[in-house]
C-alpha atoms as a PDB file:
ATOM      1  CA  UNK A   1      46.974  96.049  58.775  1.00  0.00           C
ATOM      2  CA  UNK A   2      49.437  98.430  60.323  1.00  0.00           C
ATOM      3  CA  UNK A   3      51.191  97.680  63.561  1.00  0.00           C
ATOM      4  CA  UNK A   4      51.600 100.689  65.687  1.00  0.00           C
ATOM      5  CA  UNK A   5      54.797 100.921  67.788  1.00  0.00           C
ATOM      6  CA  UNK A   6      54.861 102.718  71.059  1.00  0.00           C
ATOM      7  CA  UNK A   7      57.568 105.373  71.246  1.00  0.00           C
ATOM      8  CA  UNK A   8      57.403 105.715  75.015  1.00  0.00           C
ATOM      9  CA  UNK A   9      60.090 103.128  75.672  1.00  0.00           C
ATOM     10  CA  UNK A  10      62.591 104.136  73.027  1.00  0.00           C
ATOM     11  CA  UNK A  11      66.019 104.933  74.392  1.00  0.00           C
ATOM     12  CA  UNK A  12      65.433 103.335  77.796  1.00  0.00           C
ATOM     13  CA  UNK A  13      68.418 101.000  77.405  1.00  0.00           C
ATOM     14  CA  UNK A  14      70.981 103.809  77.223  1.00  0.00           C
ATOM     15  CA  UNK A  15      70.395 105.198  80.751  1.00  0.00           C
ATOM     16  CA  UNK A  16      70.264 101.678  82.130  1.00  0.00           C
ATOM     17  CA  UNK A  17      73.557 100.791  80.421  1.00  0.00           C
ATOM     18  CA  UNK A  18      75.174 104.002  81.710  1.00  0.00           C
ATOM     19  CA  UNK A  19      74.027 103.272  85.255  1.00  0.00           C
ATOM     20  CA  UNK A  20      75.272  99.682  85.025  1.00  0.00           C
ATOM     21  CA  UNK A  21      78.647 100.882  83.736  1.00  0.00           C
ATOM     22  CA  UNK A  22      78.921 103.427  86.565  1.00  0.00           C
ATOM     23  CA  UNK A  23      78.121 100.751  89.154  1.00  0.00           C
ATOM     24  CA  UNK A  24      80.710  98.453  87.608  1.00  0.00           C
ATOM     25  CA  UNK A  25      83.366 101.178  87.875  1.00  0.00           C
ATOM     26  CA  UNK A  26      82.503 101.898  91.522  1.00  0.00           C
ATOM     27  CA  UNK A  27      82.542  98.179  92.355  1.00  0.00           C
ATOM     28  CA  UNK A  28      85.898  97.698  90.617  1.00  0.00           C
ATOM     29  CA  UNK A  29      87.411 100.622  92.501  1.00  0.00           C
ATOM     30  CA  UNK A  30      86.126  99.271  95.830  1.00  0.00           C
ATOM     31  CA  UNK A  31      87.529  95.821  95.148  1.00  0.00           C
ATOM     32  CA  UNK A  32      90.858  97.356  94.134  1.00  0.00           C
ATOM     33  CA  UNK A  33      90.999  99.391  97.335  1.00  0.00           C
ATOM     34  CA  UNK A  34      90.175  96.337  99.451  1.00  0.00           C
ATOM     35  CA  UNK A  35      92.840  94.289  97.693  1.00  0.00           C
ATOM     36  CA  UNK A  36      95.404  97.038  98.312  1.00  0.00           C
ATOM     37  CA  UNK A  37      94.474  97.172 102.001  1.00  0.00           C
ATOM     38  CA  UNK A  38      94.829  93.385 102.283  1.00  0.00           C
ATOM     39  CA  UNK A  39      98.266  93.517 100.679  1.00  0.00           C
ATOM     40  CA  UNK A  40      99.341  96.321 103.042  1.00  0.00           C
ATOM     41  CA  UNK A  41      98.120  94.300 106.038  1.00  0.00           C
ATOM     42  CA  UNK A  42     100.101  91.238 104.952  1.00  0.00           C
ATOM     43  CA  UNK A  43     103.206  93.342 104.341  1.00  0.00           C
ATOM     44  CA  UNK A  44     102.799  94.989 107.762  1.00  0.00           C
ATOM     45  CA  UNK A  45     102.594  91.593 109.494  1.00  0.00           C
ATOM     46  CA  UNK A  46     105.723  90.406 107.693  1.00  0.00           C
ATOM     47  CA  UNK A  47     107.612  93.593 108.533  1.00  0.00           C
ATOM     48  CA  UNK A  48     106.526  93.445 112.186  1.00  0.00           C
ATOM     49  CA  UNK A  49     107.632  89.817 112.549  1.00  0.00           C
ATOM     50  CA  UNK A  50     110.998  90.454 110.915  1.00  0.00           C
ATOM     51  CA  UNK A  51     111.581  93.654 112.886  1.00  0.00           C
ATOM     52  CA  UNK A  52     110.735  92.018 116.207  1.00  0.00           C
ATOM     53  CA  UNK A  53     113.115  89.145 115.523  1.00  0.00           C
ATOM     54  CA  UNK A  54     115.869  91.559 114.508  1.00  0.00           C
ATOM     55  CA  UNK A  55     115.266  93.709 117.596  1.00  0.00           C
ATOM     56  CA  UNK A  56     115.814  90.767 119.940  1.00  0.00           C
ATOM     57  CA  UNK A  57     119.548  90.943 119.254  1.00  0.00           C
ATOM     58  CA  UNK A  58     120.020  94.339 117.597  1.00  0.00           C
ATOM     59  CA  UNK A  59     117.649  96.601 119.501  1.00  0.00           C
ATOM     60  CA  UNK A  60     115.648  99.490 118.065  1.00  0.00           C
ATOM     61  CA  UNK A  61     118.194 100.244 115.325  1.00  0.00           C
ATOM     62  CA  UNK A  62     117.862  96.732 113.915  1.00  0.00           C
ATOM     63  CA  UNK A  63     114.059  96.953 114.056  1.00  0.00           C
ATOM     64  CA  UNK A  64     114.120 100.275 112.183  1.00  0.00           C
ATOM     65  CA  UNK A  65     116.528  98.957 109.550  1.00  0.00           C
ATOM     66  CA  UNK A  66     114.550  95.799 108.849  1.00  0.00           C
ATOM     67  CA  UNK A  67     111.243  97.665 108.768  1.00  0.00           C
ATOM     68  CA  UNK A  68     112.708 100.075 106.193  1.00  0.00           C
ATOM     69  CA  UNK A  69     113.695  97.113 104.005  1.00  0.00           C
ATOM     70  CA  UNK A  70     110.012  96.149 103.965  1.00  0.00           C
ATOM     71  CA  UNK A  71     108.903  99.725 103.150  1.00  0.00           C
ATOM     72  CA  UNK A  72     107.485 100.008 106.665  1.00  0.00           C
ATOM     73  CA  UNK A  73     108.088 102.380 109.547  1.00  0.00           C
ATOM     74  CA  UNK A  74     108.371 101.473 113.226  1.00  0.00           C
ATOM     75  CA  UNK A  75     105.698 103.321 115.190  1.00  0.00           C
ATOM     76  CA  UNK A  76     106.158 101.471 118.481  1.00  0.00           C
ATOM     77  CA  UNK A  77     108.992  99.587 120.132  1.00  0.00           C
ATOM     78  CA  UNK A  78     109.484  98.248 123.641  1.00  0.00           C
ATOM     79  CA  UNK A  79     111.706  95.788 125.428  1.00  0.00           C
ATOM     80  CA  UNK A  80     110.853  94.097 128.722  1.00  0.00           C
ATOM     81  CA  UNK A  81     113.497  91.618 129.773  1.00  0.00           C
ATOM     82  CA  UNK A  82     113.874  89.153 126.916  1.00  0.00           C
ATOM     83  CA  UNK A  83     110.656  90.233 125.148  1.00  0.00           C
ATOM     84  CA  UNK A  84     110.605  92.765 122.359  1.00  0.00           C
ATOM     85  CA  UNK A  85     107.356  94.187 120.949  1.00  0.00           C
ATOM     86  CA  UNK A  86     107.434  96.077 117.648  1.00  0.00           C
ATOM     87  CA  UNK A  87     104.561  97.865 115.898  1.00  0.00           C
ATOM     88  CA  UNK A  88     104.985  98.906 112.262  1.00  0.00           C
ATOM     89  CA  UNK A  89     102.929 100.762 109.676  1.00  0.00           C
ATOM     90  CA  UNK A  90     102.701  99.987 105.959  1.00  0.00           C
ATOM     91  CA  UNK A  91     100.328 102.311 104.131  1.00  0.00           C
ATOM     92  CA  UNK A  92      97.185 102.430 106.283  1.00  0.00           C
ATOM     93  CA  UNK A  93      97.865  99.045 107.906  1.00  0.00           C
ATOM     94  CA  UNK A  94      99.516  98.515 111.262  1.00  0.00           C
ATOM     95  CA  UNK A  95     100.762  95.275 112.795  1.00  0.00           C
ATOM     96  CA  UNK A  96     102.385  94.311 116.076  1.00  0.00           C
ATOM     97  CA  UNK A  97     104.718  91.393 116.725  1.00  0.00           C
ATOM     98  CA  UNK A  98     106.476  90.041 119.779  1.00  0.00           C
ATOM     99  CA  UNK A  99     109.738  88.117 119.880  1.00  0.00           C
ATOM    100  CA  UNK A 100     111.496  86.548 122.824  1.00  0.00           C
ATOM    101  CA  UNK A 101     115.160  85.723 123.219  1.00  0.00           C
ATOM    102  CA  UNK A 102     118.497  87.417 123.297  1.00  0.00           C
ATOM    103  CA  UNK A 103     120.251  88.905 126.299  1.00  0.00           C
ATOM    104  CA  UNK A 104     118.483  89.889 129.461  1.00  0.00           C
ATOM    105  CA  UNK A 105     119.918  93.385 129.020  1.00  0.00           C
ATOM    106  CA  UNK A 106     117.274  96.099 128.835  1.00  0.00           C
ATOM    107  CA  UNK A 107     119.375  98.913 127.414  1.00  0.00           C
ATOM    108  CA  UNK A 108     117.309  99.544 124.242  1.00  0.00           C
ATOM    109  CA  UNK A 109     120.311  99.350 121.922  1.00  0.00           C
END
C-alpha cells in the first residue's frame, strides 16, 4: 500500500519563518528606540536638576556649563527672585527643574 503525500503544503514553513524573523527585528528595533528614549529622559532630568542648582548661585553661565557636562543644552532659563527654572534638552527628551536659594538679586548673571 502506497501512502500518497500532499505537495500543497511543502515549503510553507519558510515564509512563516521569514515573517517571524522580520517581526522579531522590528520588535527589537522598537524596544531599542524606547530604551534610548528612556535613557535620554533620565539624563535630561539629571542635567536639569544639576543646572538649576548651579544657576541658583552662578546664573545662566553656570547652568549652561553644567548642562554641557551632561551632554545637554539649556533651552530655557528664568530667574524670579530666589527661584531659578531651567529647561534642558538631551536628544529628543526635555526636562525642567526648579531650584530655590541664593541671593535675591535678579540680574541673570
